[in-house]
Protein backbone atom coordinates (compact mmCIF):
# COMPACT_ATOMS: atom_id res chain seq x y z
CA UNK A 1 37.54 -102.41 -31.85
CA UNK A 2 37.48 -103.57 -34.86
CA UNK A 3 37.26 -107.82 -35.38
CA UNK A 4 39.44 -108.86 -37.86
CA UNK A 5 40.06 -112.94 -38.56
CA UNK A 6 42.87 -113.85 -39.70
CA UNK A 7 43.57 -117.55 -41.86
CA UNK A 8 45.58 -119.48 -44.78
CA UNK A 9 46.63 -122.61 -44.67
CA UNK A 10 49.35 -124.24 -42.43
CA UNK A 11 52.96 -123.02 -43.50
CA UNK A 12 51.95 -119.50 -44.71
CA UNK A 13 53.19 -117.51 -41.21
CA UNK A 14 49.98 -116.61 -39.95
CA UNK A 15 51.78 -116.43 -36.55
CA UNK A 16 54.82 -114.09 -38.13
CA UNK A 17 51.71 -112.11 -38.55
CA UNK A 18 50.00 -112.55 -35.31
CA UNK A 19 53.12 -110.87 -33.47
CA UNK A 20 53.07 -108.53 -36.02
CA UNK A 21 50.23 -107.57 -34.65
CA UNK A 22 50.06 -107.42 -31.08
CA UNK A 23 53.00 -105.86 -30.63
CA UNK A 24 53.23 -103.37 -32.98
CA UNK A 25 49.58 -102.54 -32.61
CA UNK A 26 48.69 -103.81 -29.46
CA UNK A 27 45.71 -106.46 -30.81
CA UNK A 28 44.88 -108.26 -28.68
CA UNK A 29 45.39 -111.94 -30.33
CA UNK A 30 43.25 -115.29 -30.12
CA UNK A 31 44.82 -117.87 -31.12
CA UNK A 32 41.88 -120.69 -31.67
CA UNK A 33 43.85 -123.58 -32.27
CA UNK A 34 44.89 -122.70 -28.42
CA UNK A 35 41.97 -122.04 -26.91
CA UNK A 36 40.97 -125.78 -28.33
CA UNK A 37 43.94 -127.23 -26.42
CA UNK A 38 42.41 -125.69 -23.03
CA UNK A 39 39.48 -126.70 -23.59
CA UNK A 40 41.07 -130.07 -23.79
CA UNK A 41 41.77 -130.52 -20.43
CA UNK A 42 40.67 -132.29 -17.94
CA UNK A 43 38.07 -129.44 -16.14
CA UNK A 44 36.65 -128.27 -19.27
CA UNK A 45 33.50 -129.89 -19.92
CA UNK A 46 34.81 -130.60 -23.86
CA UNK A 47 37.33 -133.22 -22.04
CA UNK A 48 34.95 -135.53 -21.09
CA UNK A 49 32.37 -135.86 -24.29
CA UNK A 50 36.03 -136.35 -26.06
CA UNK A 51 37.23 -139.41 -23.73
CA UNK A 52 33.16 -140.72 -23.81
CA UNK A 53 33.27 -140.67 -27.81
CA UNK A 54 36.93 -141.54 -28.88
CA UNK A 55 37.40 -143.77 -26.02
CA UNK A 56 40.09 -143.72 -22.33
CA UNK A 57 43.23 -144.76 -25.32
CA UNK A 58 43.15 -140.89 -26.21
CA UNK A 59 44.98 -140.28 -22.53
CA UNK A 60 48.09 -140.04 -21.32
CA UNK A 61 49.51 -141.85 -17.99
CA UNK A 62 47.83 -138.52 -15.89
CA UNK A 63 44.43 -138.07 -17.57
CA UNK A 64 45.22 -135.70 -20.33
CA UNK A 65 44.20 -136.01 -23.35
CA UNK A 66 47.75 -137.10 -25.63
CA UNK A 67 46.74 -135.12 -28.62
CA UNK A 68 49.19 -137.23 -30.38
CA UNK A 69 46.97 -140.23 -30.29
CA UNK A 70 43.83 -137.83 -31.13
CA UNK A 71 44.89 -136.94 -33.77
CA UNK A 72 46.58 -140.11 -34.57
CA UNK A 73 42.86 -141.58 -34.43
CA UNK A 74 41.57 -138.74 -36.43
CA UNK A 75 43.86 -138.43 -39.31
CA UNK A 76 42.36 -139.09 -42.69
CA UNK A 77 39.21 -140.42 -41.29
CA UNK A 78 36.76 -137.43 -42.25
CA UNK A 79 33.72 -138.56 -39.82
CA UNK A 80 35.93 -138.94 -36.71
CA UNK A 81 37.15 -135.54 -37.83
CA UNK A 82 34.23 -134.13 -38.11
CA UNK A 83 32.78 -135.90 -34.35
CA UNK A 84 36.21 -134.37 -32.86
CA UNK A 85 34.84 -131.19 -34.72
CA UNK A 86 31.39 -131.04 -34.05
CA UNK A 87 33.14 -131.23 -29.89
CA UNK A 88 35.83 -128.97 -29.77
CA UNK A 89 33.83 -126.25 -32.25
CA UNK A 90 31.65 -125.04 -30.89
CA UNK A 91 32.96 -124.44 -27.20
CA UNK A 92 36.20 -122.37 -28.85
CA UNK A 93 33.80 -119.92 -30.61
CA UNK A 94 30.78 -119.65 -26.98
CA UNK A 95 34.93 -118.98 -25.63
CA UNK A 96 36.05 -116.18 -28.38
CA UNK A 97 32.28 -114.40 -28.11
CA UNK A 98 32.40 -113.93 -24.59
CA UNK A 99 35.85 -112.39 -24.86
CA UNK A 100 34.83 -109.75 -27.74
CA UNK A 101 31.98 -109.09 -25.52
CA UNK A 102 34.43 -108.70 -22.32
CA UNK A 103 36.95 -106.67 -24.44
CA UNK A 104 33.87 -104.38 -26.09
CA UNK A 105 32.90 -103.86 -22.20
CA UNK A 106 36.15 -102.48 -21.38
CA UNK A 107 37.02 -99.90 -24.19
CA UNK A 108 40.08 -99.79 -24.76
CA UNK A 109 41.51 -102.30 -27.73
CA UNK A 110 41.52 -101.16 -31.24
CA UNK A 111 42.10 -104.38 -32.60
CA UNK A 112 40.76 -107.90 -31.34
CA UNK A 113 42.32 -110.50 -33.51
CA UNK A 114 40.87 -114.38 -34.75
CA UNK A 115 43.53 -116.12 -35.73
CA UNK A 116 42.08 -120.55 -36.83
CA UNK A 117 42.47 -122.32 -40.26
CA UNK A 118 38.88 -123.12 -40.05
CA UNK A 119 37.95 -119.80 -40.04
CA UNK A 120 35.73 -119.48 -43.16
CA UNK A 121 33.81 -123.05 -42.96
CA UNK A 122 33.55 -123.09 -38.51
CA UNK A 123 31.32 -119.89 -39.62
CA UNK A 124 33.22 -116.47 -38.29
CA UNK A 125 32.80 -114.73 -40.95
CA UNK A 126 29.69 -113.53 -39.00
CA UNK A 127 31.96 -112.31 -35.89
CA UNK A 128 34.21 -110.74 -37.68
CA UNK A 129 34.36 -107.12 -39.86
CA UNK A 130 37.25 -108.77 -42.16
CA UNK A 131 38.46 -111.67 -43.34
CA UNK A 132 42.48 -111.39 -44.04
CA UNK A 133 44.07 -114.10 -46.49
CA UNK A 134 47.71 -115.53 -45.09
CA UNK A 135 49.09 -116.49 -48.56
CA UNK A 136 52.64 -118.15 -48.97
CA UNK A 137 53.67 -120.15 -51.65
CA UNK A 138 53.17 -123.88 -51.43
CA UNK A 139 57.30 -124.71 -52.04
CA UNK A 140 58.19 -121.91 -49.21
CA UNK A 141 55.35 -123.50 -46.95
CA UNK A 142 56.46 -126.60 -47.55
CA UNK A 143 60.57 -125.94 -46.96
CA UNK A 144 59.48 -123.77 -43.21
CA UNK A 145 57.36 -126.39 -41.72
CA UNK A 146 60.27 -128.77 -42.46
CA UNK A 147 62.65 -126.48 -40.78
CA UNK A 148 60.45 -125.21 -38.02
CA UNK A 149 58.18 -128.45 -37.01
CA UNK A 150 60.41 -131.43 -38.71
CA UNK A 151 58.32 -132.94 -41.22
CA UNK A 152 58.87 -134.94 -44.10
CA UNK A 153 57.93 -133.48 -47.28
CA UNK A 154 55.31 -136.40 -47.92
CA UNK A 155 53.59 -134.82 -44.15
CA UNK A 156 53.92 -131.74 -45.61
CA UNK A 157 51.32 -132.33 -48.45
CA UNK A 158 49.58 -134.50 -46.29
CA UNK A 159 48.03 -131.43 -44.00
CA UNK A 160 48.36 -128.88 -47.12
CA UNK A 161 46.01 -131.34 -49.62
CA UNK A 162 43.38 -131.47 -46.46
CA UNK A 163 42.93 -127.84 -46.54
CA UNK A 164 40.97 -125.35 -47.88
CA UNK A 165 42.26 -124.55 -51.93
CA UNK A 166 43.70 -120.97 -52.65
CA UNK A 167 40.87 -120.37 -54.42
CA UNK A 168 38.56 -120.74 -51.52
CA UNK A 169 40.10 -118.77 -49.97
CA UNK A 170 40.60 -116.02 -52.38
CA UNK A 171 36.71 -115.89 -52.39
CA UNK A 172 35.40 -115.66 -48.61
CA UNK A 173 38.22 -113.24 -47.93
CA UNK A 174 38.05 -109.41 -46.91
CA UNK A 175 41.62 -109.08 -48.32
CA UNK A 176 45.30 -111.40 -48.37
CA UNK A 177 48.69 -110.75 -47.15
CA UNK A 178 51.65 -111.89 -49.43
CA UNK A 179 53.85 -113.51 -46.98
CA UNK A 180 56.38 -115.23 -48.72
CA UNK A 181 58.78 -112.22 -49.39
CA UNK A 182 61.09 -109.82 -46.71
CA UNK A 183 59.34 -109.52 -43.12
CA UNK A 184 59.32 -105.71 -43.70
CA UNK A 185 56.99 -106.53 -46.73
CA UNK A 186 54.61 -108.27 -44.42
CA UNK A 187 54.99 -104.99 -42.10
CA UNK A 188 54.53 -102.64 -44.57
CA UNK A 189 51.07 -104.85 -45.69
CA UNK A 190 49.74 -105.03 -42.14
CA UNK A 191 49.91 -101.31 -42.05
CA UNK A 192 48.19 -100.19 -45.43
CA UNK A 193 45.73 -102.62 -44.78
CA UNK A 194 44.71 -101.03 -40.36
CA UNK A 195 45.26 -97.28 -42.71
CA UNK A 196 42.64 -97.95 -45.24
CA UNK A 197 40.02 -98.33 -42.48
């Protein structure tokens, strides 16, 4: 089983690549962000620690963590974001490693794919066999975010400024996929990468 890490900036089209890997190569795909959301639910250990760190002000009327409120509390506040990441990220990593063990035991999966924005920073390089950087030009990423998420140009640029640079991703990743052209081109690049092994 090959463990592939997928990373890249917001709006680069990581979801498209994941979808191709899942549908056309029967890869088991795990998204760190979705795992993190699940681990913030009231029955999970991270929930209590997050509420203790950030107060009941982040809860909605049902007692669940309101991610928009939490996001507002940590956005532009590096030390608060680090505090949140220090609670959530180790839990996410433990969960993913347990999933890898499970799929290795089952022995019927060729590709196990982990997608995370902070794949490199959170030390997934030691878990993955190879890292793929999904790249798209900044203007295209902004256009995608404005259309899909309704972000303003200012919000797109602010989020992108908070993320790692193109040079950082290229330095740390084994391969990169240029995801600024048509879908067939992206599929061709994925196919070529998987055929290398």
